[in-house]
Structures are given as C-alpha cells and as structure tokens.
Amino acid sequence: MTDTRDRHAHPLVCGLCGRSFARRDTVPVEAVRPQISERLDRDHPDWRKTGTICLSDLAEARRSLVEELLIRERGELGALEHDVIDSLARHETLTSDVDAEFQGTLSFGDRLADRVASFGGSWTFIILFAVVVALWMLANAIPLLLAERFDPYPFILLNLVLSCIAAVQAPFIMMSQRRQEAKDRLRSQNDYRVNLKAELEIRQLHEKLDHLLIRQWERLTEIQQVQIELLEDLARRRGS
C-alpha cells in the first residue's frame, strides 16, 4: 500500500520541457491524439523519451495544431480566431451576455437617446401626438373655445413646433440606430466565436473517438493473438 502511494506521489518528468510534475498534471504519450503526436514527432523527436507530457505543453501543442488547421482552411487569422484558439487551448468558455456588456459601456447621453428613440417609436407617442395636434387645431379653428386664437389657420406656429420636434428627434433616432448596429455586430462576433469553437471541439471529439477505436481494436487484436497462441499450446500438449 505504501509502495503504491509512493509511486503515485513520485513526480513525473515531461519529455518536452524536461520539468517535473505531479501525475495529475501530466498525460501519457499514448493518450495524445495522433495529429498532435505527429506534430510533436516532427518538431521534437525526443518528446516520448519519458513517456509523459505536461498539460501546459500539451495545451500549447494543441493550440499550435488548431492554429495551423485554421490557417490552412481560412488563410490569415484575425483577432476573433486567435481568441477562439486561446480559449480552446485553456478549455475556457466563450459565451457571454452581449447585452449586459454593451449596456455597461453606455453613457448618460446614450441612454437618454435610446429612451427618446424608444418613446418616439411607440404607440404612446403617436396617440399623444395626435391628441395634442387635434386639440391645437380645434382650439385655434373654433372661435368659441378661446377668446383669442394664438395660432390661427394655417397654423404656422404648429408647423414650426412640428419641424423642431422632427429636427430634434432625428439625431436621437440615428444615434440609437448606430448603437443597435454596434450591438448586433458584437452579437454576431460572439456567435461566430462560439460556432467556430464548437466546430473545432466537435472535430477534436471525432478524432479522439477514432483514436480510441483504433487503440481498442489493437488491444482486441493483441488479446486474440494471445488466445490463439494459448490454444496452439494446448493443442500441442494434447498431441504430445
């Protein structure tokens, strides 16, 4: 029991960097995916000498492999692709609340513009606007309602007020639309990163499954060969 504990507690040496690590921080070379193994064999021929590789070097090798595959498929990589590669190497998530992050960057003027644009595009504004215009026109068109009409027909003052409202409201709407476009752009970038990472992870999962199936088939073949040898030995003993 003590020997087993000592063996598990004994540090293992990484064949790539040469440093000592605990067993939980290393991976046997047999468990490394074939594509990564081929790349390490090409760049570092002696990396198998200790039989283990540390997790940090394995993550860096995985990162280099993914970067090479993306460059081969997509050409030059941008900032989004590098973010995905780094996240994949560190096993981090990429999903984020774009709305919450975007709201945190808005100033008071931005929030005011959004509120004005939202109110200007609502049924409440349309109904209030229609009621005010109707009362204005009735008050100045019917002499009995007001002793002195302040804006008689053709309602020049009303036209001036409406023009001022339109002139002030238009910039607020344009600013709100630009911010909505920026938010949509951030959301599309986040979706692109998440989809790209999912695609790469699915590809790696298929490669791992293929690797496990090949290793399982090799083990079954070895077991079958041993069984055949045992049967041949039994047959020879019976024959003798």
C-alpha atoms as a PDB file:
ATOM      1  CA  MET A   1       0.000   0.000   0.000  1.00  0.00           C
ATOM      2  CA  THR A   2       2.844   2.352   0.880  1.00  0.00           C
ATOM      3  CA  ASP A   3       4.700   1.486  -2.327  1.00  0.00           C
ATOM      4  CA  THR A   4       1.610   2.325  -4.361  1.00  0.00           C
ATOM      5  CA  ARG A   5       1.252   5.699  -2.685  1.00  0.00           C
ATOM      6  CA  ASP A   6       4.933   6.473  -3.207  1.00  0.00           C
ATOM      7  CA  ARG A   7       4.682   5.543  -6.849  1.00  0.00           C
ATOM      8  CA  HIS A   8       1.682   7.828  -7.389  1.00  0.00           C
ATOM      9  CA  ALA A   9       3.302  10.655  -5.423  1.00  0.00           C
ATOM     10  CA  HIS A  10       6.599  10.413  -7.320  1.00  0.00           C
ATOM     11  CA  PRO A  11       6.885  13.326  -9.787  1.00  0.00           C
ATOM     12  CA  LEU A  12       6.970  12.589 -13.494  1.00  0.00           C
ATOM     13  CA  VAL A  13       9.238  14.315 -15.992  1.00  0.00           C
ATOM     14  CA  CYS A  14       7.780  15.925 -19.098  1.00  0.00           C
ATOM     15  CA  GLY A  15       9.526  14.685 -22.225  1.00  0.00           C
ATOM     16  CA  LEU A  16       9.116  18.060 -23.921  1.00  0.00           C
ATOM     17  CA  CYS A  17      10.200  20.666 -21.372  1.00  0.00           C
ATOM     18  CA  GLY A  18      12.147  18.367 -19.008  1.00  0.00           C
ATOM     19  CA  ARG A  19      10.433  19.668 -15.857  1.00  0.00           C
ATOM     20  CA  SER A  20       8.956  17.516 -13.092  1.00  0.00           C
ATOM     21  CA  PHE A  21       5.218  17.477 -12.477  1.00  0.00           C
ATOM     22  CA  ALA A  22       2.710  15.632 -10.336  1.00  0.00           C
ATOM     23  CA  ARG A  23       0.927  12.744 -12.011  1.00  0.00           C
ATOM     24  CA  ARG A  24      -2.327  14.710 -12.240  1.00  0.00           C
ATOM     25  CA  ASP A  25      -0.524  17.409 -14.275  1.00  0.00           C
ATOM     26  CA  THR A  26       0.795  15.013 -16.924  1.00  0.00           C
ATOM     27  CA  VAL A  27      -0.620  12.867 -19.708  1.00  0.00           C
ATOM     28  CA  PRO A  28       0.836   9.588 -21.013  1.00  0.00           C
ATOM     29  CA  VAL A  29       2.204   9.875 -24.524  1.00  0.00           C
ATOM     30  CA  GLU A  30      -0.082   7.032 -25.616  1.00  0.00           C
ATOM     31  CA  ALA A  31      -3.128   9.166 -24.785  1.00  0.00           C
ATOM     32  CA  VAL A  32      -2.081  12.060 -27.029  1.00  0.00           C
ATOM     33  CA  ARG A  33      -4.102  12.348 -30.223  1.00  0.00           C
ATOM     34  CA  PRO A  34      -2.361  11.153 -33.404  1.00  0.00           C
ATOM     35  CA  GLN A  35      -2.336  14.567 -35.100  1.00  0.00           C
ATOM     36  CA  ILE A  36      -0.680  16.178 -32.091  1.00  0.00           C
ATOM     37  CA  SER A  37       1.741  13.267 -31.780  1.00  0.00           C
ATOM     38  CA  GLU A  38       2.758  13.612 -35.423  1.00  0.00           C
ATOM     39  CA  ARG A  39       3.349  17.324 -34.980  1.00  0.00           C
ATOM     40  CA  LEU A  40       5.437  16.759 -31.839  1.00  0.00           C
ATOM     41  CA  ASP A  41       7.393  13.983 -33.570  1.00  0.00           C
ATOM     42  CA  ARG A  42       8.199  16.410 -36.345  1.00  0.00           C
ATOM     43  CA  ASP A  43       9.174  19.356 -34.139  1.00  0.00           C
ATOM     44  CA  HIS A  44      10.532  17.490 -31.076  1.00  0.00           C
ATOM     45  CA  PRO A  45      11.651  13.946 -31.973  1.00  0.00           C
ATOM     46  CA  ASP A  46      12.664  13.075 -28.369  1.00  0.00           C
ATOM     47  CA  TRP A  47       9.444  14.116 -26.648  1.00  0.00           C
ATOM     48  CA  ARG A  48       8.418  10.473 -25.999  1.00  0.00           C
ATOM     49  CA  LYS A  49      11.575   9.590 -24.048  1.00  0.00           C
ATOM     50  CA  THR A  50       9.998   9.960 -20.581  1.00  0.00           C
ATOM     51  CA  GLY A  51       6.607   8.548 -21.540  1.00  0.00           C
ATOM     52  CA  THR A  52       4.683  11.621 -20.322  1.00  0.00           C
ATOM     53  CA  ILE A  53       3.973  15.206 -21.344  1.00  0.00           C
ATOM     54  CA  CYS A  54       2.796  18.020 -19.093  1.00  0.00           C
ATOM     55  CA  LEU A  55      -0.621  19.606 -19.550  1.00  0.00           C
ATOM     56  CA  SER A  56       0.781  23.047 -20.377  1.00  0.00           C
ATOM     57  CA  ASP A  57       2.951  21.748 -23.217  1.00  0.00           C
ATOM     58  CA  LEU A  58       0.085  19.597 -24.454  1.00  0.00           C
ATOM     59  CA  ALA A  59      -2.210  22.644 -24.475  1.00  0.00           C
ATOM     60  CA  GLU A  60       0.388  24.647 -26.407  1.00  0.00           C
ATOM     61  CA  ALA A  61       0.783  21.812 -28.923  1.00  0.00           C
ATOM     62  CA  ARG A  62      -2.988  21.625 -29.297  1.00  0.00           C
ATOM     63  CA  ARG A  63      -3.124  25.395 -29.796  1.00  0.00           C
ATOM     64  CA  SER A  64      -0.447  25.285 -32.496  1.00  0.00           C
ATOM     65  CA  LEU A  65      -2.244  22.451 -34.266  1.00  0.00           C
ATOM     66  CA  VAL A  66      -5.593  24.260 -34.275  1.00  0.00           C
ATOM     67  CA  GLU A  67      -3.935  27.454 -35.490  1.00  0.00           C
ATOM     68  CA  GLU A  68      -2.247  25.553 -38.308  1.00  0.00           C
ATOM     69  CA  LEU A  69      -5.538  23.931 -39.336  1.00  0.00           C
ATOM     70  CA  LEU A  70      -7.379  27.261 -39.358  1.00  0.00           C
ATOM     71  CA  ILE A  71      -4.649  28.952 -41.383  1.00  0.00           C
ATOM     72  CA  ARG A  72      -4.804  26.102 -43.865  1.00  0.00           C
ATOM     73  CA  GLU A  73      -8.594  26.379 -44.201  1.00  0.00           C
ATOM     74  CA  ARG A  74      -9.273  30.106 -43.773  1.00  0.00           C
ATOM     75  CA  GLY A  75      -5.999  31.813 -44.632  1.00  0.00           C
ATOM     76  CA  GLU A  76      -4.863  34.676 -42.412  1.00  0.00           C
ATOM     77  CA  LEU A  77      -6.330  34.608 -38.908  1.00  0.00           C
ATOM     78  CA  GLY A  78      -7.895  37.607 -37.222  1.00  0.00           C
ATOM     79  CA  ALA A  79      -8.385  38.578 -33.602  1.00  0.00           C
ATOM     80  CA  LEU A  80     -11.586  36.513 -33.305  1.00  0.00           C
ATOM     81  CA  GLU A  81      -9.873  33.335 -34.480  1.00  0.00           C
ATOM     82  CA  HIS A  82      -6.982  33.871 -32.062  1.00  0.00           C
ATOM     83  CA  ASP A  83      -9.469  34.336 -29.205  1.00  0.00           C
ATOM     84  CA  VAL A  84     -11.100  31.026 -30.118  1.00  0.00           C
ATOM     85  CA  ILE A  85      -7.726  29.250 -30.306  1.00  0.00           C
ATOM     86  CA  ASP A  86      -6.632  30.578 -26.906  1.00  0.00           C
ATOM     87  CA  SER A  87      -9.969  29.664 -25.331  1.00  0.00           C
ATOM     88  CA  LEU A  88      -9.809  26.176 -26.814  1.00  0.00           C
ATOM     89  CA  ALA A  89      -6.280  25.645 -25.506  1.00  0.00           C
ATOM     90  CA  ARG A  90      -7.215  26.822 -21.995  1.00  0.00           C
ATOM     91  CA  HIS A  91     -10.567  24.948 -22.006  1.00  0.00           C
ATOM     92  CA  GLU A  92     -12.450  28.182 -21.318  1.00  0.00           C
ATOM     93  CA  THR A  93     -15.971  29.138 -22.347  1.00  0.00           C
ATOM     94  CA  LEU A  94     -16.683  31.863 -24.889  1.00  0.00           C
ATOM     95  CA  THR A  95     -20.366  32.517 -24.270  1.00  0.00           C
ATOM     96  CA  SER A  96     -21.079  35.945 -22.845  1.00  0.00           C
ATOM     97  CA  ASP A  97     -24.054  38.227 -22.244  1.00  0.00           C
ATOM     98  CA  VAL A  98     -23.536  40.765 -25.024  1.00  0.00           C
ATOM     99  CA  ASP A  99     -26.483  42.912 -23.929  1.00  0.00           C
ATOM    100  CA  ALA A 100     -25.188  43.257 -20.367  1.00  0.00           C
ATOM    101  CA  GLU A 101     -21.659  44.057 -21.544  1.00  0.00           C
ATOM    102  CA  PHE A 102     -22.931  46.618 -24.040  1.00  0.00           C
ATOM    103  CA  GLN A 103     -25.217  48.290 -21.507  1.00  0.00           C
ATOM    104  CA  GLY A 104     -22.264  48.710 -19.167  1.00  0.00           C
ATOM    105  CA  THR A 105     -20.441  50.867 -21.737  1.00  0.00           C
ATOM    106  CA  LEU A 106     -23.312  53.325 -22.352  1.00  0.00           C
ATOM    107  CA  SER A 107     -23.093  56.890 -21.079  1.00  0.00           C
ATOM    108  CA  PHE A 108     -25.960  59.024 -19.787  1.00  0.00           C
ATOM    109  CA  GLY A 109     -26.391  60.627 -23.204  1.00  0.00           C
ATOM    110  CA  ASP A 110     -26.534  57.228 -24.881  1.00  0.00           C
ATOM    111  CA  ARG A 111     -29.217  56.002 -22.502  1.00  0.00           C
ATOM    112  CA  LEU A 112     -31.189  59.232 -22.959  1.00  0.00           C
ATOM    113  CA  ALA A 113     -31.022  58.895 -26.738  1.00  0.00           C
ATOM    114  CA  ASP A 114     -32.241  55.304 -26.533  1.00  0.00           C
ATOM    115  CA  ARG A 115     -35.168  56.313 -24.324  1.00  0.00           C
ATOM    116  CA  VAL A 116     -36.138  59.175 -26.629  1.00  0.00           C
ATOM    117  CA  ALA A 117     -35.905  56.932 -29.693  1.00  0.00           C
ATOM    118  CA  SER A 118     -37.893  54.200 -27.955  1.00  0.00           C
ATOM    119  CA  PHE A 119     -40.610  56.644 -26.892  1.00  0.00           C
ATOM    120  CA  GLY A 120     -40.721  58.245 -30.348  1.00  0.00           C
ATOM    121  CA  GLY A 121     -41.373  54.862 -31.949  1.00  0.00           C
ATOM    122  CA  SER A 122     -44.170  53.791 -29.605  1.00  0.00           C
ATOM    123  CA  TRP A 123     -47.942  53.940 -29.852  1.00  0.00           C
ATOM    124  CA  THR A 124     -47.981  56.163 -26.773  1.00  0.00           C
ATOM    125  CA  PHE A 125     -46.116  58.899 -28.639  1.00  0.00           C
ATOM    126  CA  ILE A 126     -48.345  58.539 -31.701  1.00  0.00           C
ATOM    127  CA  ILE A 127     -51.550  58.816 -29.658  1.00  0.00           C
ATOM    128  CA  LEU A 128     -50.291  61.753 -27.570  1.00  0.00           C
ATOM    129  CA  PHE A 129     -49.012  63.479 -30.690  1.00  0.00           C
ATOM    130  CA  ALA A 130     -52.349  63.065 -32.467  1.00  0.00           C
ATOM    131  CA  VAL A 131     -54.292  64.317 -29.420  1.00  0.00           C
ATOM    132  CA  VAL A 132     -52.089  67.411 -28.984  1.00  0.00           C
ATOM    133  CA  VAL A 133     -52.273  68.304 -32.679  1.00  0.00           C
ATOM    134  CA  ALA A 134     -56.048  67.811 -32.734  1.00  0.00           C
ATOM    135  CA  LEU A 135     -56.575  69.982 -29.626  1.00  0.00           C
ATOM    136  CA  TRP A 136     -54.245  72.651 -31.019  1.00  0.00           C
ATOM    137  CA  MET A 137     -56.120  72.804 -34.308  1.00  0.00           C
ATOM    138  CA  LEU A 138     -59.548  72.759 -32.660  1.00  0.00           C
ATOM    139  CA  ALA A 139     -58.600  75.479 -30.183  1.00  0.00           C
ATOM    140  CA  ASN A 140     -57.447  77.760 -32.977  1.00  0.00           C
ATOM    141  CA  ALA A 141     -60.087  76.819 -35.549  1.00  0.00           C
ATOM    142  CA  ILE A 142     -63.209  77.264 -33.380  1.00  0.00           C
ATOM    143  CA  PRO A 143     -63.537  80.827 -32.030  1.00  0.00           C
ATOM    144  CA  LEU A 144     -65.737  79.783 -29.103  1.00  0.00           C
ATOM    145  CA  LEU A 145     -63.013  77.712 -27.405  1.00  0.00           C
ATOM    146  CA  LEU A 146     -60.502  80.548 -26.918  1.00  0.00           C
ATOM    147  CA  ALA A 147     -61.123  84.235 -26.575  1.00  0.00           C
ATOM    148  CA  GLU A 148     -58.086  84.944 -28.712  1.00  0.00           C
ATOM    149  CA  ARG A 149     -56.589  82.398 -31.087  1.00  0.00           C
ATOM    150  CA  PHE A 150     -52.776  82.242 -30.671  1.00  0.00           C
ATOM    151  CA  ASP A 151     -52.150  80.266 -33.898  1.00  0.00           C
ATOM    152  CA  PRO A 152     -54.932  80.780 -36.430  1.00  0.00           C
ATOM    153  CA  TYR A 153     -55.168  78.943 -39.726  1.00  0.00           C
ATOM    154  CA  PRO A 154     -52.829  77.946 -41.496  1.00  0.00           C
ATOM    155  CA  PHE A 155     -51.242  77.075 -38.111  1.00  0.00           C
ATOM    156  CA  ILE A 156     -47.783  78.484 -38.771  1.00  0.00           C
ATOM    157  CA  LEU A 157     -46.704  78.099 -35.136  1.00  0.00           C
ATOM    158  CA  LEU A 158     -47.839  74.455 -35.133  1.00  0.00           C
ATOM    159  CA  ASN A 159     -45.774  73.781 -38.253  1.00  0.00           C
ATOM    160  CA  LEU A 160     -42.754  75.356 -36.556  1.00  0.00           C
ATOM    161  CA  VAL A 161     -43.218  73.217 -33.435  1.00  0.00           C
ATOM    162  CA  LEU A 162     -43.586  70.047 -35.503  1.00  0.00           C
ATOM    163  CA  SER A 163     -40.475  70.899 -37.516  1.00  0.00           C
ATOM    164  CA  CYS A 164     -38.482  71.448 -34.306  1.00  0.00           C
ATOM    165  CA  ILE A 165     -39.666  68.140 -32.870  1.00  0.00           C
ATOM    166  CA  ALA A 166     -38.664  66.311 -36.058  1.00  0.00           C
ATOM    167  CA  ALA A 167     -35.278  68.073 -36.170  1.00  0.00           C
ATOM    168  CA  VAL A 168     -34.511  67.166 -32.554  1.00  0.00           C
ATOM    169  CA  GLN A 169     -35.883  63.630 -32.712  1.00  0.00           C
ATOM    170  CA  ALA A 170     -33.993  62.588 -35.863  1.00  0.00           C
ATOM    171  CA  PRO A 171     -30.464  62.728 -34.327  1.00  0.00           C
ATOM    172  CA  PHE A 172     -31.645  60.726 -31.302  1.00  0.00           C
ATOM    173  CA  ILE A 173     -33.035  58.032 -33.591  1.00  0.00           C
ATOM    174  CA  MET A 174     -29.838  57.939 -35.672  1.00  0.00           C
ATOM    175  CA  MET A 175     -27.652  57.614 -32.555  1.00  0.00           C
ATOM    176  CA  SER A 176     -29.834  54.815 -31.237  1.00  0.00           C
ATOM    177  CA  GLN A 177     -29.670  53.010 -34.594  1.00  0.00           C
ATOM    178  CA  ARG A 178     -25.869  53.228 -34.643  1.00  0.00           C
ATOM    179  CA  ARG A 179     -25.690  51.742 -31.164  1.00  0.00           C
ATOM    180  CA  GLN A 180     -28.077  48.978 -32.189  1.00  0.00           C
ATOM    181  CA  GLU A 181     -25.832  48.222 -35.163  1.00  0.00           C
ATOM    182  CA  ALA A 182     -22.811  48.079 -32.848  1.00  0.00           C
ATOM    183  CA  LYS A 183     -24.685  45.730 -30.508  1.00  0.00           C
ATOM    184  CA  ASP A 184     -25.700  43.497 -33.423  1.00  0.00           C
ATOM    185  CA  ARG A 185     -22.088  43.434 -34.600  1.00  0.00           C
ATOM    186  CA  LEU A 186     -20.889  42.356 -31.145  1.00  0.00           C
ATOM    187  CA  ARG A 187     -23.583  39.694 -31.001  1.00  0.00           C
ATOM    188  CA  SER A 188     -22.629  38.337 -34.421  1.00  0.00           C
ATOM    189  CA  GLN A 189     -18.941  38.247 -33.434  1.00  0.00           C
ATOM    190  CA  ASN A 190     -19.814  36.355 -30.266  1.00  0.00           C
ATOM    191  CA  ASP A 191     -21.934  33.882 -32.257  1.00  0.00           C
ATOM    192  CA  TYR A 192     -19.082  33.416 -34.727  1.00  0.00           C
ATOM    193  CA  ARG A 193     -16.590  32.667 -31.945  1.00  0.00           C
ATOM    194  CA  VAL A 194     -18.948  30.217 -30.243  1.00  0.00           C
ATOM    195  CA  ASN A 195     -19.777  28.417 -33.509  1.00  0.00           C
ATOM    196  CA  LEU A 196     -16.126  28.214 -34.532  1.00  0.00           C
ATOM    197  CA  LYS A 197     -15.126  26.781 -31.163  1.00  0.00           C
ATOM    198  CA  ALA A 198     -17.990  24.272 -31.290  1.00  0.00           C
ATOM    199  CA  GLU A 199     -16.881  23.196 -34.769  1.00  0.00           C
ATOM    200  CA  LEU A 200     -13.289  22.700 -33.625  1.00  0.00           C
ATOM    201  CA  GLU A 201     -14.333  20.835 -30.479  1.00  0.00           C
ATOM    202  CA  ILE A 202     -16.584  18.509 -32.486  1.00  0.00           C
ATOM    203  CA  ARG A 203     -13.715  17.829 -34.855  1.00  0.00           C
ATOM    204  CA  GLN A 204     -11.402  17.054 -31.939  1.00  0.00           C
ATOM    205  CA  LEU A 205     -14.059  14.817 -30.406  1.00  0.00           C
ATOM    206  CA  HIS A 206     -14.300  12.799 -33.632  1.00  0.00           C
ATOM    207  CA  GLU A 207     -10.523  12.469 -33.721  1.00  0.00           C
ATOM    208  CA  LYS A 208     -10.451  11.282 -30.111  1.00  0.00           C
ATOM    209  CA  LEU A 209     -13.171   8.714 -30.798  1.00  0.00           C
ATOM    210  CA  ASP A 210     -11.290   7.455 -33.843  1.00  0.00           C
ATOM    211  CA  HIS A 211      -8.114   7.250 -31.775  1.00  0.00           C
ATOM    212  CA  LEU A 212      -9.883   5.304 -29.015  1.00  0.00           C
ATOM    213  CA  LEU A 213     -11.479   2.925 -31.516  1.00  0.00           C
ATOM    214  CA  ILE A 214      -8.129   2.239 -33.162  1.00  0.00           C
ATOM    215  CA  ARG A 215      -6.461   1.580 -29.802  1.00  0.00           C
ATOM    216  CA  GLN A 216      -9.351  -0.638 -28.730  1.00  0.00           C
ATOM    217  CA  TRP A 217      -9.087  -2.600 -31.977  1.00  0.00           C
ATOM    218  CA  GLU A 218      -5.337  -3.018 -31.480  1.00  0.00           C
ATOM    219  CA  ARG A 219      -5.894  -4.325 -27.947  1.00  0.00           C
ATOM    220  CA  LEU A 220      -8.558  -6.743 -29.137  1.00  0.00           C
ATOM    221  CA  THR A 221      -6.180  -7.952 -31.844  1.00  0.00           C
ATOM    222  CA  GLU A 222      -3.431  -8.491 -29.269  1.00  0.00           C
ATOM    223  CA  ILE A 223      -5.829 -10.380 -26.975  1.00  0.00           C
ATOM    224  CA  GLN A 224      -6.965 -12.517 -29.894  1.00  0.00           C
ATOM    225  CA  GLN A 225      -3.357 -13.281 -30.811  1.00  0.00           C
ATOM    226  CA  VAL A 226      -2.609 -14.326 -27.223  1.00  0.00           C
ATOM    227  CA  GLN A 227      -5.688 -16.553 -27.202  1.00  0.00           C
ATOM    228  CA  ILE A 228      -4.600 -18.183 -30.461  1.00  0.00           C
ATOM    229  CA  GLU A 229      -1.140 -18.849 -29.027  1.00  0.00           C
ATOM    230  CA  LEU A 230      -2.678 -20.361 -25.878  1.00  0.00           C
ATOM    231  CA  LEU A 231      -4.927 -22.610 -27.966  1.00  0.00           C
ATOM    232  CA  GLU A 232      -1.943 -23.713 -30.042  1.00  0.00           C
ATOM    233  CA  ASP A 233      -0.011 -24.530 -26.859  1.00  0.00           C
ATOM    234  CA  LEU A 234      -2.944 -26.546 -25.545  1.00  0.00           C
ATOM    235  CA  ALA A 235      -3.233 -28.380 -28.849  1.00  0.00           C
ATOM    236  CA  ARG A 236       0.473 -29.254 -28.835  1.00  0.00           C
ATOM    237  CA  ARG A 237       0.281 -30.506 -25.245  1.00  0.00           C
ATOM    238  CA  ARG A 238      -2.668 -32.724 -26.037  1.00  0.00           C
ATOM    239  CA  GLY A 239      -0.946 -34.018 -29.122  1.00  0.00           C
ATOM    240  CA  SER A 240       2.169 -34.877 -27.200  1.00  0.00           C
END
